[in-house]
Amino acid sequence: MKRTRMALAGVLALALLSGCFGPRVVFLPAADAPVRAGPDMCGRVYVWTGSTWELSRNDVAIPEGFYIWDAGDKAPTNAGKGK
């Protein structure tokens, strides 16, 4: 019984620690430092309408491998609105 508890505790500890491996990233957008979309990434995106940027109402799947960077444009005027 004691071995079973110790084995279970070990498995739980490994499961909790598994999220601690791999690089940790803080996103600081810059024109000279693009990032690539990872797997299962989705979210709202801005779309150029020809005169302004519009925020999508729905989440959009971002294909893995797409590059994301700061294009140097001014921040959209309707940031955070909608949904």
N, C-alpha and C. Protein backbone atom coordinates (compact mmCIF):
# COMPACT_ATOMS: atom_id res chain seq x y z
N MET A 1 0.83 -1.20 0.00
CA MET A 1 0.00 0.00 0.00
C MET A 1 0.88 1.26 0.00
N LYS A 2 1.95 1.23 0.82
CA LYS A 2 2.83 2.38 0.90
C LYS A 2 3.56 2.59 -0.43
N ARG A 3 3.97 1.49 -1.07
CA ARG A 3 4.65 1.59 -2.37
C ARG A 3 3.72 2.15 -3.43
N THR A 4 2.48 1.75 -3.38
CA THR A 4 1.50 2.24 -4.34
C THR A 4 1.32 3.75 -4.20
N ARG A 5 1.24 4.21 -2.97
CA ARG A 5 1.10 5.65 -2.72
C ARG A 5 2.34 6.41 -3.20
N MET A 6 3.51 5.84 -2.93
CA MET A 6 4.75 6.49 -3.35
C MET A 6 4.85 6.53 -4.88
N ALA A 7 4.45 5.44 -5.52
CA ALA A 7 4.48 5.40 -6.99
C ALA A 7 3.50 6.41 -7.56
N LEU A 8 2.32 6.50 -6.98
CA LEU A 8 1.31 7.46 -7.43
C LEU A 8 1.82 8.89 -7.23
N ALA A 9 2.44 9.15 -6.09
CA ALA A 9 3.00 10.48 -5.83
C ALA A 9 4.09 10.81 -6.83
N GLY A 10 4.92 9.83 -7.19
CA GLY A 10 5.97 10.04 -8.17
C GLY A 10 5.41 10.36 -9.55
N VAL A 11 4.39 9.62 -9.95
CA VAL A 11 3.75 9.87 -11.25
C VAL A 11 3.11 11.26 -11.27
N LEU A 12 2.44 11.63 -10.21
CA LEU A 12 1.82 12.96 -10.14
C LEU A 12 2.88 14.06 -10.18
N ALA A 13 3.98 13.86 -9.48
CA ALA A 13 5.06 14.86 -9.48
C ALA A 13 5.63 15.01 -10.89
N LEU A 14 5.84 13.90 -11.59
CA LEU A 14 6.35 13.97 -12.96
C LEU A 14 5.36 14.67 -13.88
N ALA A 15 4.07 14.41 -13.70
CA ALA A 15 3.05 15.05 -14.52
C ALA A 15 3.04 16.55 -14.30
N LEU A 16 3.19 16.98 -13.05
CA LEU A 16 3.20 18.40 -12.75
C LEU A 16 4.47 19.07 -13.27
N LEU A 17 5.59 18.39 -13.19
CA LEU A 17 6.86 18.96 -13.65
C LEU A 17 6.99 18.97 -15.17
N SER A 18 6.20 18.15 -15.86
CA SER A 18 6.33 18.08 -17.32
C SER A 18 6.01 19.42 -17.97
N GLY A 19 5.21 20.25 -17.35
CA GLY A 19 4.89 21.56 -17.89
C GLY A 19 6.01 22.57 -17.67
N CYS A 20 7.03 22.22 -16.95
CA CYS A 20 8.13 23.13 -16.64
C CYS A 20 9.28 23.03 -17.64
N PHE A 21 9.23 22.10 -18.56
CA PHE A 21 10.32 21.93 -19.52
C PHE A 21 10.00 22.67 -20.80
N GLY A 22 11.03 23.03 -21.53
CA GLY A 22 10.85 23.76 -22.78
C GLY A 22 11.05 25.25 -22.54
N PRO A 23 11.22 25.98 -23.63
CA PRO A 23 11.49 27.42 -23.47
C PRO A 23 10.26 28.18 -23.01
N ARG A 24 10.48 29.15 -22.16
CA ARG A 24 9.43 30.07 -21.76
C ARG A 24 9.66 31.34 -22.55
N VAL A 25 8.58 31.93 -23.06
CA VAL A 25 8.70 33.08 -23.95
C VAL A 25 7.83 34.22 -23.44
N VAL A 26 8.38 35.40 -23.50
CA VAL A 26 7.61 36.62 -23.25
C VAL A 26 7.57 37.34 -24.59
N PHE A 27 6.37 37.59 -25.10
CA PHE A 27 6.23 38.18 -26.43
C PHE A 27 6.41 39.69 -26.37
N LEU A 28 7.45 40.17 -27.04
CA LEU A 28 7.70 41.60 -27.19
C LEU A 28 7.74 41.88 -28.69
N PRO A 29 6.62 42.32 -29.26
CA PRO A 29 6.58 42.47 -30.72
C PRO A 29 7.60 43.48 -31.23
N ALA A 30 8.29 43.11 -32.29
CA ALA A 30 9.26 43.99 -32.93
C ALA A 30 9.37 43.60 -34.39
N ALA A 31 9.57 44.59 -35.26
CA ALA A 31 9.64 44.33 -36.70
C ALA A 31 10.78 43.40 -37.06
N ASP A 32 11.85 43.40 -36.28
CA ASP A 32 13.00 42.57 -36.61
C ASP A 32 13.03 41.25 -35.83
N ALA A 33 11.95 40.89 -35.16
CA ALA A 33 11.92 39.66 -34.36
C ALA A 33 10.59 38.93 -34.56
N PRO A 34 10.39 38.33 -35.75
CA PRO A 34 9.12 37.61 -35.96
C PRO A 34 9.05 36.34 -35.12
N VAL A 35 7.85 35.88 -34.90
CA VAL A 35 7.62 34.59 -34.24
C VAL A 35 6.77 33.75 -35.20
N ARG A 36 6.73 32.43 -34.96
CA ARG A 36 5.91 31.55 -35.79
C ARG A 36 4.79 30.97 -34.95
N ALA A 37 3.63 30.82 -35.57
CA ALA A 37 2.47 30.24 -34.89
C ALA A 37 2.74 28.78 -34.55
N GLY A 38 2.33 28.39 -33.36
CA GLY A 38 2.48 27.01 -32.93
C GLY A 38 1.24 26.20 -33.25
N PRO A 39 1.20 24.95 -32.82
CA PRO A 39 0.04 24.10 -33.10
C PRO A 39 -1.19 24.55 -32.34
N ASP A 40 -2.34 24.35 -32.95
CA ASP A 40 -3.64 24.64 -32.33
C ASP A 40 -3.79 26.09 -31.89
N MET A 41 -3.24 27.02 -32.63
CA MET A 41 -3.34 28.42 -32.27
C MET A 41 -4.58 29.03 -32.92
N CYS A 42 -5.34 29.80 -32.16
CA CYS A 42 -6.49 30.48 -32.73
C CYS A 42 -6.77 31.74 -31.92
N GLY A 43 -7.46 32.66 -32.53
CA GLY A 43 -7.80 33.90 -31.86
C GLY A 43 -8.41 34.89 -32.84
N ARG A 44 -8.80 36.03 -32.34
CA ARG A 44 -9.35 37.08 -33.18
C ARG A 44 -8.21 37.77 -33.91
N VAL A 45 -8.46 38.18 -35.14
CA VAL A 45 -7.44 38.81 -35.96
C VAL A 45 -7.98 40.12 -36.54
N TYR A 46 -7.06 41.01 -36.92
CA TYR A 46 -7.43 42.23 -37.61
C TYR A 46 -7.36 41.99 -39.11
N VAL A 47 -8.33 42.54 -39.84
CA VAL A 47 -8.40 42.41 -41.28
C VAL A 47 -8.42 43.81 -41.88
N TRP A 48 -7.58 44.04 -42.89
CA TRP A 48 -7.51 45.34 -43.57
C TRP A 48 -8.70 45.46 -44.52
N THR A 49 -9.50 46.49 -44.37
CA THR A 49 -10.69 46.68 -45.20
C THR A 49 -10.42 47.59 -46.39
N GLY A 50 -9.21 48.08 -46.51
CA GLY A 50 -8.88 49.01 -47.57
C GLY A 50 -8.68 50.41 -47.05
N SER A 51 -9.25 50.68 -45.87
CA SER A 51 -9.09 52.00 -45.27
C SER A 51 -8.80 51.93 -43.78
N THR A 52 -9.14 50.82 -43.15
CA THR A 52 -8.94 50.68 -41.71
C THR A 52 -8.80 49.20 -41.36
N TRP A 53 -8.32 48.94 -40.16
CA TRP A 53 -8.22 47.57 -39.66
C TRP A 53 -9.49 47.27 -38.88
N GLU A 54 -10.12 46.11 -39.15
CA GLU A 54 -11.31 45.68 -38.41
C GLU A 54 -11.00 44.39 -37.68
N LEU A 55 -11.40 44.34 -36.41
CA LEU A 55 -11.20 43.15 -35.59
C LEU A 55 -12.29 42.13 -35.89
N SER A 56 -11.90 40.89 -36.12
CA SER A 56 -12.89 39.84 -36.41
C SER A 56 -13.76 39.60 -35.19
N ARG A 57 -15.01 39.22 -35.44
CA ARG A 57 -15.93 38.90 -34.34
C ARG A 57 -15.68 37.50 -33.83
N ASN A 58 -15.15 36.64 -34.71
CA ASN A 58 -14.95 35.24 -34.35
C ASN A 58 -13.46 34.91 -34.23
N ASP A 59 -13.18 33.80 -33.57
CA ASP A 59 -11.82 33.29 -33.52
C ASP A 59 -11.49 32.63 -34.85
N VAL A 60 -10.24 32.76 -35.26
CA VAL A 60 -9.76 32.20 -36.52
C VAL A 60 -8.62 31.24 -36.21
N ALA A 61 -8.62 30.08 -36.84
CA ALA A 61 -7.51 29.13 -36.68
C ALA A 61 -6.30 29.69 -37.43
N ILE A 62 -5.18 29.81 -36.73
CA ILE A 62 -3.93 30.28 -37.33
C ILE A 62 -3.11 29.05 -37.68
N PRO A 63 -2.85 28.82 -38.97
CA PRO A 63 -2.11 27.62 -39.35
C PRO A 63 -0.72 27.59 -38.71
N GLU A 64 -0.33 26.42 -38.25
CA GLU A 64 0.99 26.25 -37.65
C GLU A 64 2.06 26.64 -38.67
N GLY A 65 3.04 27.41 -38.21
CA GLY A 65 4.13 27.82 -39.07
C GLY A 65 4.00 29.21 -39.64
N PHE A 66 2.81 29.84 -39.55
CA PHE A 66 2.65 31.19 -40.06
C PHE A 66 3.52 32.14 -39.24
N TYR A 67 4.14 33.09 -39.93
CA TYR A 67 4.97 34.08 -39.26
C TYR A 67 4.11 35.22 -38.76
N ILE A 68 4.43 35.71 -37.56
CA ILE A 68 3.70 36.81 -36.94
C ILE A 68 4.74 37.84 -36.52
N TRP A 69 4.53 39.09 -36.94
CA TRP A 69 5.48 40.14 -36.56
C TRP A 69 4.79 41.48 -36.56
N ASP A 70 5.47 42.45 -35.98
CA ASP A 70 4.99 43.82 -35.94
C ASP A 70 5.31 44.45 -37.28
N ALA A 71 4.29 44.82 -38.04
CA ALA A 71 4.49 45.38 -39.36
C ALA A 71 4.84 46.87 -39.31
N GLY A 72 4.89 47.43 -38.12
CA GLY A 72 5.23 48.84 -37.98
C GLY A 72 4.04 49.76 -38.14
N ASP A 73 2.85 49.20 -38.33
CA ASP A 73 1.65 50.02 -38.46
C ASP A 73 1.23 50.58 -37.11
N LYS A 74 0.49 51.67 -37.15
CA LYS A 74 -0.07 52.20 -35.92
C LYS A 74 -1.05 51.17 -35.36
N ALA A 75 -1.27 51.21 -34.07
CA ALA A 75 -2.24 50.31 -33.45
C ALA A 75 -3.61 50.59 -34.03
N PRO A 76 -4.40 49.54 -34.30
CA PRO A 76 -5.76 49.76 -34.82
C PRO A 76 -6.56 50.63 -33.86
N THR A 77 -7.41 51.47 -34.42
CA THR A 77 -8.18 52.40 -33.59
C THR A 77 -9.30 51.72 -32.84
N ASN A 78 -9.76 50.57 -33.30
CA ASN A 78 -10.86 49.88 -32.64
C ASN A 78 -10.37 48.70 -31.80
N ALA A 79 -9.19 48.79 -31.26
CA ALA A 79 -8.62 47.70 -30.46
C ALA A 79 -9.53 47.36 -29.30
N GLY A 80 -9.81 46.07 -29.15
CA GLY A 80 -10.58 45.59 -28.02
C GLY A 80 -12.08 45.72 -28.17
N LYS A 81 -12.59 46.30 -29.23
CA LYS A 81 -14.03 46.43 -29.42
C LYS A 81 -14.57 45.19 -30.08
N GLY A 82 -15.86 45.02 -30.01
CA GLY A 82 -16.52 43.94 -30.74
C GLY A 82 -16.65 42.68 -29.95
N LYS A 83 -17.00 41.64 -30.63
CA LYS A 83 -17.25 40.27 -30.19
C LYS A 83 -18.62 40.02 -29.75
